[in-house]
Amino acid sequence: MREPYLEVSFRHGRPLAAYLYLPREDGERSSRTERVEDGVIVDYSDAGRPIGLEFTVPARVTLAGINGILRRLGQRAIRAEDLAPLVAA
């Protein structure tokens, strides 16, 4: 996967959690997690690369907040359009 994408889980029509998949190699899986701030967990591969961000409180997600985390992780910023599934919720 070369581009990040967002997946949103719903319960009773409301967003329950969201996951931002980061670029990764085929078959690369999470082997370690780290809470980076309240409601945000980073998944890392065996090689120590960040491969995803889990948002346990989707209502608090902002573009600036996500991009700040991505910057700290050495990842490319996302665009407002990348958050469209969550904004639509």
Protein backbone atom coordinates (compact mmCIF):
# COMPACT_ATOMS: atom_id res chain seq x y z
CA MET A 1 0.00 0.00 0.00
CA ARG A 2 1.47 3.30 -1.06
CA GLU A 3 -1.11 5.88 0.08
CA PRO A 4 -2.66 6.32 3.52
CA TYR A 5 -6.36 5.68 3.88
CA LEU A 6 -8.87 6.04 6.69
CA GLU A 7 -11.32 3.39 7.87
CA VAL A 8 -14.15 4.32 10.27
CA SER A 9 -16.11 1.84 12.42
CA PHE A 10 -19.68 2.73 13.36
CA ARG A 11 -22.09 1.62 16.06
CA HIS A 12 -25.72 2.74 15.98
CA GLY A 13 -24.86 5.18 13.18
CA ARG A 14 -22.11 6.97 15.12
CA PRO A 15 -18.34 6.66 14.67
CA LEU A 16 -16.92 4.33 17.30
CA ALA A 17 -13.26 4.27 16.19
CA ALA A 18 -11.12 5.19 13.21
CA TYR A 19 -7.89 3.78 11.81
CA LEU A 20 -5.49 5.56 9.47
CA TYR A 21 -3.52 2.98 7.50
CA LEU A 22 -0.05 4.27 6.65
CA PRO A 23 2.05 3.08 3.69
CA ARG A 24 3.42 -0.40 4.37
CA GLU A 25 4.95 -3.38 2.66
CA ASP A 26 2.81 -6.37 1.67
CA GLY A 27 2.31 -8.63 4.68
CA GLU A 28 3.67 -6.08 7.17
CA ARG A 29 1.77 -6.39 10.46
CA SER A 30 1.66 -4.62 13.80
CA SER A 31 4.00 -6.01 16.43
CA ARG A 32 4.01 -3.12 18.93
CA THR A 33 1.67 -0.28 19.89
CA GLU A 34 2.29 3.01 21.64
CA ARG A 35 -0.19 5.54 23.00
CA VAL A 36 1.06 8.91 21.75
CA GLU A 37 -1.70 11.03 23.22
CA ASP A 38 -5.14 10.58 24.70
CA GLY A 39 -7.23 8.63 22.21
CA VAL A 40 -4.41 8.00 19.68
CA ILE A 41 -2.44 4.76 19.40
CA VAL A 42 0.36 4.13 16.89
CA ASP A 43 0.97 0.64 15.50
CA TYR A 44 4.56 -0.28 14.58
CA SER A 45 5.87 -3.10 12.42
CA ASP A 46 8.58 -5.57 13.46
CA ALA A 47 11.08 -3.21 11.81
CA GLY A 48 9.87 -0.33 14.00
CA ARG A 49 8.09 1.54 11.20
CA PRO A 50 4.78 3.24 12.00
CA ILE A 51 2.09 1.48 9.96
CA GLY A 52 -1.13 2.92 11.37
CA LEU A 53 -2.85 5.29 13.76
CA GLU A 54 -5.88 4.21 15.78
CA PHE A 55 -8.27 6.90 17.00
CA THR A 56 -10.37 5.65 19.90
CA VAL A 57 -12.31 8.93 20.19
CA PRO A 58 -13.02 9.91 16.56
CA ALA A 59 -14.91 13.05 17.57
CA ARG A 60 -11.61 14.59 18.73
CA VAL A 61 -9.74 13.93 15.48
CA THR A 62 -8.52 17.03 13.64
CA LEU A 63 -6.41 17.41 10.53
CA ALA A 64 -3.86 19.52 12.41
CA GLY A 65 -3.67 16.95 15.22
CA ILE A 66 -3.15 14.03 12.86
CA ASN A 67 -0.55 15.90 10.82
CA GLY A 68 1.33 16.85 13.99
CA ILE A 69 1.58 13.18 14.96
CA LEU A 70 2.57 12.17 11.43
CA ARG A 71 5.28 14.84 11.38
CA ARG A 72 6.72 13.49 14.67
CA LEU A 73 6.72 10.00 13.14
CA GLY A 74 8.52 11.18 10.00
CA GLN A 75 5.47 10.53 7.81
CA ARG A 76 3.88 12.60 5.07
CA ALA A 77 0.98 14.88 6.01
CA ILE A 78 -2.51 13.94 4.90
CA ARG A 79 -5.03 16.23 3.20
CA ALA A 80 -8.50 17.26 4.35
CA GLU A 81 -9.97 14.94 1.69
CA ASP A 82 -8.31 11.98 3.42
CA LEU A 83 -10.55 12.64 6.44
CA ALA A 84 -13.75 12.67 4.34
CA PRO A 85 -15.08 9.35 5.75
CA LEU A 86 -14.85 10.70 9.29
CA VAL A 87 -16.20 14.15 8.49
CA ALA A 88 -19.18 12.55 6.74
CA ALA A 89 -19.96 10.65 9.93
